[in-house]
Each structure stands twice: as C-alpha cells, then as structure tokens.
Amino acid sequence: MFRVQLVLLLGLCVGVLIRRGLLKALHAAGCILLGFLLAGTSLAPGLTSLVRSLIAVVASVRF
C-alpha cells in the first residue's frame, strides 16, 4: 500500500516540478530510467530497505 502512495506522491511532485519549469522532462525521464535499471541490480534490496526506513521515519513524525 505504501508503494502505491509513494509512487503517486513522487509522480505528483515530478509533475509539479516539470510544470513549474524546475525539472526538465528529459531529466525526469532519465531519473525514471535509472530507477528501473537500479531495480534490476543487487542494490534493489538495500534501496527498498532504505525507502521503507525513510517512510517509517516520516510516518512517526507528529505534526
């Protein structure tokens, strides 16, 4: 469930940045391609663990 929400949130952020001109579409496409390539490497489990840890930290913050 967190994965879908994280993908939607990051997609929204990328869309806003592209729309405001702060991120070029080519750069965003390059980042997406890098993400797909990293997902197929031995780094993927470590990156998944890092993202889960960051989500836990953000979820524990009280606003």
C-alpha atoms as a PDB file:
ATOM      1  CA  MET A   1       0.000   0.000   0.000  1.00  0.00           C
ATOM      2  CA  PHE A   2       2.810   2.412   0.841  1.00  0.00           C
ATOM      3  CA  ARG A   3       4.424   1.728  -2.525  1.00  0.00           C
ATOM      4  CA  VAL A   4       1.357   2.915  -4.457  1.00  0.00           C
ATOM      5  CA  GLN A   5       1.034   6.019  -2.306  1.00  0.00           C
ATOM      6  CA  LEU A   6       4.744   6.759  -2.618  1.00  0.00           C
ATOM      7  CA  VAL A   7       4.643   6.375  -6.398  1.00  0.00           C
ATOM      8  CA  LEU A   8       1.630   8.684  -6.619  1.00  0.00           C
ATOM      9  CA  LEU A   9       3.237  11.275  -4.338  1.00  0.00           C
ATOM     10  CA  LEU A  10       6.520  11.229  -6.241  1.00  0.00           C
ATOM     11  CA  GLY A  11       4.657  11.356  -9.550  1.00  0.00           C
ATOM     12  CA  LEU A  12       2.736  14.391  -8.356  1.00  0.00           C
ATOM     13  CA  CYS A  13       5.953  16.083  -7.223  1.00  0.00           C
ATOM     14  CA  VAL A  14       7.631  15.401 -10.573  1.00  0.00           C
ATOM     15  CA  GLY A  15       4.572  16.721 -12.411  1.00  0.00           C
ATOM     16  CA  VAL A  16       4.585  19.940 -10.386  1.00  0.00           C
ATOM     17  CA  LEU A  17       8.322  20.417 -10.881  1.00  0.00           C
ATOM     18  CA  ILE A  18       8.033  19.881 -14.646  1.00  0.00           C
ATOM     19  CA  ARG A  19       5.060  22.219 -14.867  1.00  0.00           C
ATOM     20  CA  ARG A  20       6.887  24.996 -12.971  1.00  0.00           C
ATOM     21  CA  GLY A  21       9.941  24.573 -15.171  1.00  0.00           C
ATOM     22  CA  LEU A  22      12.164  23.456 -12.302  1.00  0.00           C
ATOM     23  CA  LEU A  23      12.671  19.991 -13.791  1.00  0.00           C
ATOM     24  CA  LYS A  24      13.013  19.277 -17.473  1.00  0.00           C
ATOM     25  CA  ALA A  25      11.017  16.361 -18.875  1.00  0.00           C
ATOM     26  CA  LEU A  26      14.201  14.770 -20.241  1.00  0.00           C
ATOM     27  CA  HIS A  27      15.791  14.832 -16.790  1.00  0.00           C
ATOM     28  CA  ALA A  28      12.697  13.250 -15.257  1.00  0.00           C
ATOM     29  CA  ALA A  29      12.732  10.522 -17.905  1.00  0.00           C
ATOM     30  CA  GLY A  30      16.404   9.883 -17.155  1.00  0.00           C
ATOM     31  CA  CYS A  31      15.648   9.533 -13.447  1.00  0.00           C
ATOM     32  CA  ILE A  32      12.809   7.106 -14.181  1.00  0.00           C
ATOM     33  CA  LEU A  33      15.083   5.043 -16.411  1.00  0.00           C
ATOM     34  CA  LEU A  34      17.752   4.998 -13.701  1.00  0.00           C
ATOM     35  CA  GLY A  35      15.154   3.782 -11.211  1.00  0.00           C
ATOM     36  CA  PHE A  36      14.136   0.921 -13.487  1.00  0.00           C
ATOM     37  CA  LEU A  37      17.761  -0.031 -14.052  1.00  0.00           C
ATOM     38  CA  LEU A  38      18.567   0.068 -10.317  1.00  0.00           C
ATOM     39  CA  ALA A  39      15.547  -2.120  -9.589  1.00  0.00           C
ATOM     40  CA  GLY A  40      17.175  -4.924 -11.558  1.00  0.00           C
ATOM     41  CA  THR A  41      20.517  -4.815  -9.739  1.00  0.00           C
ATOM     42  CA  SER A  42      21.805  -6.203  -6.471  1.00  0.00           C
ATOM     43  CA  LEU A  43      21.280  -2.731  -4.969  1.00  0.00           C
ATOM     44  CA  ALA A  44      17.493  -3.091  -5.113  1.00  0.00           C
ATOM     45  CA  PRO A  45      17.026  -4.807  -1.686  1.00  0.00           C
ATOM     46  CA  GLY A  46      19.173  -2.184   0.037  1.00  0.00           C
ATOM     47  CA  LEU A  47      17.333   0.667  -1.655  1.00  0.00           C
ATOM     48  CA  THR A  48      13.993  -0.895  -0.743  1.00  0.00           C
ATOM     49  CA  SER A  49      15.101  -1.144   2.871  1.00  0.00           C
ATOM     50  CA  LEU A  50      16.258   2.486   2.825  1.00  0.00           C
ATOM     51  CA  VAL A  51      12.940   3.706   1.405  1.00  0.00           C
ATOM     52  CA  ARG A  52      10.980   1.691   3.977  1.00  0.00           C
ATOM     53  CA  SER A  53      13.097   3.162   6.778  1.00  0.00           C
ATOM     54  CA  LEU A  54      12.524   6.684   5.468  1.00  0.00           C
ATOM     55  CA  ILE A  55       8.784   6.042   5.257  1.00  0.00           C
ATOM     56  CA  ALA A  56       8.792   4.820   8.866  1.00  0.00           C
ATOM     57  CA  VAL A  57      10.638   7.942   9.997  1.00  0.00           C
ATOM     58  CA  VAL A  58       8.267  10.256   8.139  1.00  0.00           C
ATOM     59  CA  ALA A  59       5.244   8.350   9.445  1.00  0.00           C
ATOM     60  CA  SER A  60       6.473   8.683  13.023  1.00  0.00           C
ATOM     61  CA  VAL A  61       6.798  12.483  12.814  1.00  0.00           C
ATOM     62  CA  ARG A  62       3.987  14.274  14.620  1.00  0.00           C
ATOM     63  CA  PHE A  63       2.805  17.496  13.014  1.00  0.00           C
END
